[in-house]
Amino acid sequence: MIPHITVKTKDLHALIRAGSIRVGGNRRLKIYGTLHCTSGKRMKPENRVFFESEEEAVGLGYRPCGHCMREQYKVWRSRN
């Protein structure tokens, strides 16, 4: 997990291009989603974190976003 406030914009873009970052999340709400999610783009940088994979996010206790990851969210919801 990489907190947004600890990485410079230039370095962040390089990590995304390199494939080291694939999903983003909200640290306070424990929600993860795609990097293109409109909900994720509106959150405060101090709450934003990045993950290498969905598995990493789930392993840290995050749940899928109901907007950009509807199918994964439905599966998660049915289990909880």
PDB file of N, CA and C in Angstrom:
ATOM      1  N   MET A   1       0.849  -1.175   0.000  1.00  0.00           N
ATOM      2  CA  MET A   1       0.000   0.000   0.000  1.00  0.00           C
ATOM      3  C   MET A   1       0.894   1.237   0.000  1.00  0.00           C
ATOM      4  N   ILE A   2       0.542   2.183  -0.863  1.00  0.00           N
ATOM      5  CA  ILE A   2       1.307   3.420  -0.979  1.00  0.00           C
ATOM      6  C   ILE A   2       0.377   4.603  -0.708  1.00  0.00           C
ATOM      7  N   PRO A   3       0.570   5.335   0.385  1.00  0.00           N
ATOM      8  CA  PRO A   3      -0.232   6.540   0.625  1.00  0.00           C
ATOM      9  C   PRO A   3       0.079   7.616  -0.413  1.00  0.00           C
ATOM     10  N   HIS A   4      -0.940   8.266  -0.924  1.00  0.00           N
ATOM     11  CA  HIS A   4      -0.772   9.273  -1.966  1.00  0.00           C
ATOM     12  C   HIS A   4       0.121  10.428  -1.508  1.00  0.00           C
ATOM     13  N   ILE A   5      -0.019  10.836  -0.265  1.00  0.00           N
ATOM     14  CA  ILE A   5       0.725  12.008   0.202  1.00  0.00           C
ATOM     15  C   ILE A   5       2.221  11.752   0.348  1.00  0.00           C
ATOM     16  N   THR A   6       2.640  10.479   0.247  1.00  0.00           N
ATOM     17  CA  THR A   6       4.067  10.178   0.407  1.00  0.00           C
ATOM     18  C   THR A   6       4.813  10.069  -0.918  1.00  0.00           C
ATOM     19  N   VAL A   7       4.102  10.222  -2.025  1.00  0.00           N
ATOM     20  CA  VAL A   7       4.742  10.063  -3.334  1.00  0.00           C
ATOM     21  C   VAL A   7       4.475  11.300  -4.194  1.00  0.00           C
ATOM     22  N   LYS A   8       5.495  11.731  -4.914  1.00  0.00           N
ATOM     23  CA  LYS A   8       5.358  12.895  -5.794  1.00  0.00           C
ATOM     24  C   LYS A   8       4.567  12.505  -7.036  1.00  0.00           C
ATOM     25  N   THR A   9       3.904  13.480  -7.644  1.00  0.00           N
ATOM     26  CA  THR A   9       3.071  13.234  -8.821  1.00  0.00           C
ATOM     27  C   THR A   9       3.843  12.567  -9.942  1.00  0.00           C
ATOM     28  N   LYS A  10       5.036  13.041 -10.205  1.00  0.00           N
ATOM     29  CA  LYS A  10       5.865  12.470 -11.272  1.00  0.00           C
ATOM     30  C   LYS A  10       6.171  11.000 -10.988  1.00  0.00           C
ATOM     31  N   ASP A  11       6.514  10.686  -9.751  1.00  0.00           N
ATOM     32  CA  ASP A  11       6.818   9.307  -9.370  1.00  0.00           C
ATOM     33  C   ASP A  11       5.562   8.432  -9.420  1.00  0.00           C
ATOM     34  N   LEU A  12       4.436   9.007  -9.046  1.00  0.00           N
ATOM     35  CA  LEU A  12       3.166   8.285  -9.078  1.00  0.00           C
ATOM     36  C   LEU A  12       2.818   7.873 -10.509  1.00  0.00           C
ATOM     37  N   HIS A  13       2.951   8.795 -11.442  1.00  0.00           N
ATOM     38  CA  HIS A  13       2.679   8.495 -12.849  1.00  0.00           C
ATOM     39  C   HIS A  13       3.612   7.404 -13.371  1.00  0.00           C
ATOM     40  N   ALA A  14       4.861   7.437 -12.953  1.00  0.00           N
ATOM     41  CA  ALA A  14       5.827   6.412 -13.372  1.00  0.00           C
ATOM     42  C   ALA A  14       5.429   5.041 -12.818  1.00  0.00           C
ATOM     43  N   LEU A  15       4.974   4.987 -11.581  1.00  0.00           N
ATOM     44  CA  LEU A  15       4.547   3.723 -10.980  1.00  0.00           C
ATOM     45  C   LEU A  15       3.324   3.156 -11.686  1.00  0.00           C
ATOM     46  N   ILE A  16       2.408   4.034 -12.075  1.00  0.00           N
ATOM     47  CA  ILE A  16       1.211   3.585 -12.792  1.00  0.00           C
ATOM     48  C   ILE A  16       1.597   3.041 -14.163  1.00  0.00           C
ATOM     49  N   ARG A  17       2.449   3.765 -14.883  1.00  0.00           N
ATOM     50  CA  ARG A  17       2.895   3.315 -16.206  1.00  0.00           C
ATOM     51  C   ARG A  17       3.646   1.982 -16.121  1.00  0.00           C
ATOM     52  N   ALA A  18       4.405   1.806 -15.065  1.00  0.00           N
ATOM     53  CA  ALA A  18       5.179   0.573 -14.889  1.00  0.00           C
ATOM     54  C   ALA A  18       4.308  -0.608 -14.435  1.00  0.00           C
ATOM     55  N   GLY A  19       3.068  -0.337 -14.056  1.00  0.00           N
ATOM     56  CA  GLY A  19       2.175  -1.398 -13.609  1.00  0.00           C
ATOM     57  C   GLY A  19       2.315  -1.741 -12.139  1.00  0.00           C
ATOM     58  N   SER A  20       3.067  -0.943 -11.398  1.00  0.00           N
ATOM     59  CA  SER A  20       3.243  -1.183  -9.966  1.00  0.00           C
ATOM     60  C   SER A  20       2.023  -0.754  -9.165  1.00  0.00           C
ATOM     61  N   ILE A  21       1.183   0.076  -9.766  1.00  0.00           N
ATOM     62  CA  ILE A  21      -0.059   0.525  -9.132  1.00  0.00           C
ATOM     63  C   ILE A  21      -1.194   0.203 -10.092  1.00  0.00           C
ATOM     64  N   ARG A  22      -2.179  -0.555  -9.603  1.00  0.00           N
ATOM     65  CA  ARG A  22      -3.301  -0.952 -10.454  1.00  0.00           C
ATOM     66  C   ARG A  22      -4.650  -0.496  -9.915  1.00  0.00           C
ATOM     67  N   VAL A  23      -4.776  -0.325  -8.606  1.00  0.00           N
ATOM     68  CA  VAL A  23      -6.034   0.130  -8.013  1.00  0.00           C
ATOM     69  C   VAL A  23      -5.747   1.178  -6.944  1.00  0.00           C
ATOM     70  N   GLY A  24      -6.745   1.983  -6.669  1.00  0.00           N
ATOM     71  CA  GLY A  24      -6.639   2.996  -5.626  1.00  0.00           C
ATOM     72  C   GLY A  24      -7.695   2.754  -4.563  1.00  0.00           C
ATOM     73  N   GLY A  25      -7.510   3.375  -3.424  1.00  0.00           N
ATOM     74  CA  GLY A  25      -8.465   3.168  -2.340  1.00  0.00           C
ATOM     75  C   GLY A  25      -8.570   4.356  -1.419  1.00  0.00           C
ATOM     76  N   ASN A  26      -9.582   4.294  -0.574  1.00  0.00           N
ATOM     77  CA  ASN A  26      -9.805   5.315   0.441  1.00  0.00           C
ATOM     78  C   ASN A  26      -9.413   4.722   1.781  1.00  0.00           C
ATOM     79  N   ARG A  27      -8.391   5.274   2.374  1.00  0.00           N
ATOM     80  CA  ARG A  27      -7.835   4.768   3.634  1.00  0.00           C
ATOM     81  C   ARG A  27      -8.866   4.799   4.757  1.00  0.00           C
ATOM     82  N   ARG A  28      -9.666   5.842   4.823  1.00  0.00           N
ATOM     83  CA  ARG A  28     -10.617   5.987   5.924  1.00  0.00           C
ATOM     84  C   ARG A  28     -11.843   5.091   5.764  1.00  0.00           C
ATOM     85  N   LEU A  29     -12.341   4.962   4.544  1.00  0.00           N
ATOM     86  CA  LEU A  29     -13.542   4.172   4.307  1.00  0.00           C
ATOM     87  C   LEU A  29     -13.257   2.707   4.012  1.00  0.00           C
ATOM     88  N   LYS A  30     -11.975   2.380   3.745  1.00  0.00           N
ATOM     89  CA  LYS A  30     -11.555   1.016   3.429  1.00  0.00           C
ATOM     90  C   LYS A  30     -12.267   0.496   2.174  1.00  0.00           C
ATOM     91  N   ILE A  31     -12.281   1.341   1.118  1.00  0.00           N
ATOM     92  CA  ILE A  31     -12.876   0.998  -0.170  1.00  0.00           C
ATOM     93  C   ILE A  31     -11.789   1.101  -1.235  1.00  0.00           C
ATOM     94  N   TYR A  32     -11.772   0.162  -2.188  1.00  0.00           N
ATOM     95  CA  TYR A  32     -10.828   0.255  -3.297  1.00  0.00           C
ATOM     96  C   TYR A  32     -11.583   0.221  -4.620  1.00  0.00           C
ATOM     97  N   GLY A  33     -10.961   0.788  -5.661  1.00  0.00           N
ATOM     98  CA  GLY A  33     -11.585   0.801  -6.981  1.00  0.00           C
ATOM     99  C   GLY A  33     -10.553   1.069  -8.068  1.00  0.00           C
ATOM    100  N   THR A  34     -11.055   1.253  -9.289  1.00  0.00           N
ATOM    101  CA  THR A  34     -10.171   1.492 -10.425  1.00  0.00           C
ATOM    102  C   THR A  34      -9.553   2.888 -10.315  1.00  0.00           C
ATOM    103  N   LEU A  35      -8.491   3.101 -11.047  1.00  0.00           N
ATOM    104  CA  LEU A  35      -7.830   4.407 -11.041  1.00  0.00           C
ATOM    105  C   LEU A  35      -8.644   5.451 -11.800  1.00  0.00           C
ATOM    106  N   HIS A  36      -9.637   5.015 -12.573  1.00  0.00           N
ATOM    107  CA  HIS A  36     -10.456   5.934 -13.360  1.00  0.00           C
ATOM    108  C   HIS A  36     -11.797   6.246 -12.701  1.00  0.00           C
ATOM    109  N   CYS A  37     -12.055   5.735 -11.532  1.00  0.00           N
ATOM    110  CA  CYS A  37     -13.338   5.912 -10.846  1.00  0.00           C
ATOM    111  C   CYS A  37     -13.567   7.383 -10.479  1.00  0.00           C
ATOM    112  N   THR A  38     -14.750   7.893 -10.800  1.00  0.00           N
ATOM    113  CA  THR A  38     -15.048   9.287 -10.488  1.00  0.00           C
ATOM    114  C   THR A  38     -15.123   9.516  -8.976  1.00  0.00           C
ATOM    115  N   SER A  39     -15.583   8.533  -8.240  1.00  0.00           N
ATOM    116  CA  SER A  39     -15.629   8.670  -6.778  1.00  0.00           C
ATOM    117  C   SER A  39     -14.220   8.772  -6.208  1.00  0.00           C
ATOM    118  N   GLY A  40     -13.321   7.961  -6.728  1.00  0.00           N
ATOM    119  CA  GLY A  40     -11.933   7.974  -6.262  1.00  0.00           C
ATOM    120  C   GLY A  40     -11.211   9.262  -6.596  1.00  0.00           C
ATOM    121  N   LYS A  41     -11.542   9.835  -7.735  1.00  0.00           N
ATOM    122  CA  LYS A  41     -10.891  11.073  -8.143  1.00  0.00           C
ATOM    123  C   LYS A  41     -11.301  12.257  -7.276  1.00  0.00           C
ATOM    124  N   ARG A  42     -12.451  12.160  -6.613  1.00  0.00           N
ATOM    125  CA  ARG A  42     -12.936  13.263  -5.775  1.00  0.00           C
ATOM    126  C   ARG A  42     -12.398  13.230  -4.343  1.00  0.00           C
ATOM    127  N   MET A  43     -11.820  12.123  -3.938  1.00  0.00           N
ATOM    128  CA  MET A  43     -11.396  12.030  -2.538  1.00  0.00           C
ATOM    129  C   MET A  43     -10.142  12.873  -2.264  1.00  0.00           C
ATOM    130  N   LYS A  44      -9.976  13.204  -1.018  1.00  0.00           N
ATOM    131  CA  LYS A  44      -8.827  14.001  -0.596  1.00  0.00           C
ATOM    132  C   LYS A  44      -7.554  13.165  -0.719  1.00  0.00           C
ATOM    133  N   PRO A  45      -6.469  13.782  -1.188  1.00  0.00           N
ATOM    134  CA  PRO A  45      -5.207  13.035  -1.333  1.00  0.00           C
ATOM    135  C   PRO A  45      -4.721  12.399  -0.031  1.00  0.00           C
ATOM    136  N   GLU A  46      -4.998  13.021   1.098  1.00  0.00           N
ATOM    137  CA  GLU A  46      -4.532  12.438   2.363  1.00  0.00           C
ATOM    138  C   GLU A  46      -5.273  11.147   2.720  1.00  0.00           C
ATOM    139  N   ASN A  47      -6.432  10.899   2.081  1.00  0.00           N
ATOM    140  CA  ASN A  47      -7.178   9.653   2.309  1.00  0.00           C
ATOM    141  C   ASN A  47      -6.914   8.611   1.237  1.00  0.00           C
ATOM    142  N   ARG A  48      -6.256   8.987   0.153  1.00  0.00           N
ATOM    143  CA  ARG A  48      -6.057   8.105  -0.996  1.00  0.00           C
ATOM    144  C   ARG A  48      -4.816   7.240  -0.806  1.00  0.00           C
ATOM    145  N   VAL A  49      -4.974   5.962  -1.139  1.00  0.00           N
ATOM    146  CA  VAL A  49      -3.858   5.011  -1.121  1.00  0.00           C
ATOM    147  C   VAL A  49      -3.890   4.219  -2.424  1.00  0.00           C
ATOM    148  N   PHE A  50      -2.766   3.619  -2.767  1.00  0.00           N
ATOM    149  CA  PHE A  50      -2.666   2.853  -3.998  1.00  0.00           C
ATOM    150  C   PHE A  50      -2.186   1.444  -3.687  1.00  0.00           C
ATOM    151  N   PHE A  51      -2.658   0.495  -4.503  1.00  0.00           N
ATOM    152  CA  PHE A  51      -2.298  -0.908  -4.324  1.00  0.00           C
ATOM    153  C   PHE A  51      -1.774  -1.484  -5.629  1.00  0.00           C
ATOM    154  N   GLU A  52      -0.950  -2.501  -5.510  1.00  0.00           N
ATOM    155  CA  GLU A  52      -0.420  -3.194  -6.675  1.00  0.00           C
ATOM    156  C   GLU A  52      -1.484  -4.090  -7.311  1.00  0.00           C
ATOM    157  N   SER A  53      -2.417  -4.595  -6.492  1.00  0.00           N
ATOM    158  CA  SER A  53      -3.439  -5.500  -7.011  1.00  0.00           C
ATOM    159  C   SER A  53      -4.686  -5.450  -6.132  1.00  0.00           C
ATOM    160  N   GLU A  54      -5.765  -6.014  -6.666  1.00  0.00           N
ATOM    161  CA  GLU A  54      -6.993  -6.141  -5.887  1.00  0.00           C
ATOM    162  C   GLU A  54      -6.763  -7.057  -4.688  1.00  0.00           C
ATOM    163  N   GLU A  55      -5.975  -8.094  -4.903  1.00  0.00           N
ATOM    164  CA  GLU A  55      -5.694  -9.046  -3.822  1.00  0.00           C
ATOM    165  C   GLU A  55      -5.029  -8.357  -2.633  1.00  0.00           C
ATOM    166  N   GLU A  56      -4.127  -7.433  -2.928  1.00  0.00           N
ATOM    167  CA  GLU A  56      -3.471  -6.691  -1.845  1.00  0.00           C
ATOM    168  C   GLU A  56      -4.497  -5.872  -1.065  1.00  0.00           C
ATOM    169  N   ALA A  57      -5.395  -5.198  -1.783  1.00  0.00           N
ATOM    170  CA  ALA A  57      -6.421  -4.378  -1.128  1.00  0.00           C
ATOM    171  C   ALA A  57      -7.340  -5.241  -0.262  1.00  0.00           C
ATOM    172  N   VAL A  58      -7.800  -6.354  -0.814  1.00  0.00           N
ATOM    173  CA  VAL A  58      -8.683  -7.253  -0.071  1.00  0.00           C
ATOM    174  C   VAL A  58      -7.957  -7.815   1.147  1.00  0.00           C
ATOM    175  N   GLY A  59      -6.697  -8.173   0.974  1.00  0.00           N
ATOM    176  CA  GLY A  59      -5.897  -8.702   2.080  1.00  0.00           C
ATOM    177  C   GLY A  59      -5.736  -7.720   3.224  1.00  0.00           C
ATOM    178  N   LEU A  60      -5.827  -6.427   2.907  1.00  0.00           N
ATOM    179  CA  LEU A  60      -5.712  -5.395   3.939  1.00  0.00           C
ATOM    180  C   LEU A  60      -7.072  -4.958   4.476  1.00  0.00           C
ATOM    181  N   GLY A  61      -8.126  -5.668   4.069  1.00  0.00           N
ATOM    182  CA  GLY A  61      -9.450  -5.401   4.620  1.00  0.00           C
ATOM    183  C   GLY A  61     -10.286  -4.383   3.868  1.00  0.00           C
ATOM    184  N   TYR A  62      -9.925  -4.075   2.631  1.00  0.00           N
ATOM    185  CA  TYR A  62     -10.688  -3.115   1.831  1.00  0.00           C
ATOM    186  C   TYR A  62     -11.785  -3.848   1.061  1.00  0.00           C
ATOM    187  N   ARG A  63     -12.879  -3.142   0.755  1.00  0.00           N
ATOM    188  CA  ARG A  63     -13.971  -3.715  -0.026  1.00  0.00           C
ATOM    189  C   ARG A  63     -14.047  -3.022  -1.379  1.00  0.00           C
ATOM    190  N   PRO A  64     -14.658  -3.675  -2.391  1.00  0.00           N
ATOM    191  CA  PRO A  64     -14.757  -3.067  -3.720  1.00  0.00           C
ATOM    192  C   PRO A  64     -15.703  -1.863  -3.743  1.00  0.00           C
ATOM    193  N   CYS A  65     -15.436  -0.943  -4.645  1.00  0.00           N
ATOM    194  CA  CYS A  65     -16.268   0.240  -4.849  1.00  0.00           C
ATOM    195  C   CYS A  65     -17.573  -0.171  -5.530  1.00  0.00           C
ATOM    196  N   GLY A  66     -18.678   0.363  -5.066  1.00  0.00           N
ATOM    197  CA  GLY A  66     -19.971   0.064  -5.663  1.00  0.00           C
ATOM    198  C   GLY A  66     -20.215   0.760  -6.981  1.00  0.00           C
ATOM    199  N   HIS A  67     -19.414   1.765  -7.314  1.00  0.00           N
ATOM    200  CA  HIS A  67     -19.591   2.492  -8.573  1.00  0.00           C
ATOM    201  C   HIS A  67     -18.801   1.866  -9.718  1.00  0.00           C
ATOM    202  N   CYS A  68     -17.522   1.721  -9.556  1.00  0.00           N
ATOM    203  CA  CYS A  68     -16.671   1.280 -10.671  1.00  0.00           C
ATOM    204  C   CYS A  68     -16.433  -0.229 -10.692  1.00  0.00           C
ATOM    205  N   MET A  69     -16.782  -0.914  -9.623  1.00  0.00           N
ATOM    206  CA  MET A  69     -16.557  -2.362  -9.553  1.00  0.00           C
ATOM    207  C   MET A  69     -17.846  -3.057  -9.106  1.00  0.00           C
ATOM    208  N   ARG A  70     -18.918  -2.805  -9.839  1.00  0.00           N
ATOM    209  CA  ARG A  70     -20.244  -3.297  -9.437  1.00  0.00           C
ATOM    210  C   ARG A  70     -20.300  -4.806  -9.222  1.00  0.00           C
ATOM    211  N   GLU A  71     -19.741  -5.587 -10.140  1.00  0.00           N
ATOM    212  CA  GLU A  71     -19.813  -7.042 -10.015  1.00  0.00           C
ATOM    213  C   GLU A  71     -19.067  -7.532  -8.777  1.00  0.00           C
ATOM    214  N   GLN A  72     -17.854  -7.024  -8.569  1.00  0.00           N
ATOM    215  CA  GLN A  72     -17.087  -7.423  -7.383  1.00  0.00           C
ATOM    216  C   GLN A  72     -17.804  -6.971  -6.106  1.00  0.00           C
ATOM    217  N   TYR A  73     -18.428  -5.792  -6.170  1.00  0.00           N
ATOM    218  CA  TYR A  73     -19.165  -5.281  -5.007  1.00  0.00           C
ATOM    219  C   TYR A  73     -20.342  -6.191  -4.688  1.00  0.00           C
ATOM    220  N   LYS A  74     -21.094  -6.644  -5.714  1.00  0.00           N
ATOM    221  CA  LYS A  74     -22.240  -7.531  -5.494  1.00  0.00           C
ATOM    222  C   LYS A  74     -21.798  -8.824  -4.840  1.00  0.00           C
ATOM    223  N   VAL A  75     -20.678  -9.370  -5.303  1.00  0.00           N
ATOM    224  CA  VAL A  75     -20.150 -10.599  -4.702  1.00  0.00           C
ATOM    225  C   VAL A  75     -19.772 -10.355  -3.254  1.00  0.00           C
ATOM    226  N   TRP A  76     -19.063  -9.247  -3.001  1.00  0.00           N
ATOM    227  CA  TRP A  76     -18.671  -8.906  -1.631  1.00  0.00           C
ATOM    228  C   TRP A  76     -19.900  -8.720  -0.743  1.00  0.00           C
ATOM    229  N   ARG A  77     -20.900  -8.025  -1.265  1.00  0.00           N
ATOM    230  CA  ARG A  77     -22.124  -7.740  -0.510  1.00  0.00           C
ATOM    231  C   ARG A  77     -22.864  -9.026  -0.151  1.00  0.00           C
ATOM    232  N   SER A  78     -22.907  -9.975  -1.081  1.00  0.00           N
ATOM    233  CA  SER A  78     -23.622 -11.224  -0.824  1.00  0.00           C
ATOM    234  C   SER A  78     -22.940 -12.066   0.259  1.00  0.00           C
ATOM    235  N   ARG A  79     -21.646 -11.845   0.442  1.00  0.00           N
ATOM    236  CA  ARG A  79     -20.907 -12.594   1.472  1.00  0.00           C
ATOM    237  C   ARG A  79     -21.028 -11.953   2.856  1.00  0.00           C
ATOM    238  N   ASN A  80     -21.386 -10.658   2.888  1.00  0.00           N
ATOM    239  CA  ASN A  80     -21.426  -9.943   4.178  1.00  0.00           C
ATOM    240  C   ASN A  80     -22.817  -9.583   4.597  1.00  0.00           C
TER     241      ASN A  80
END
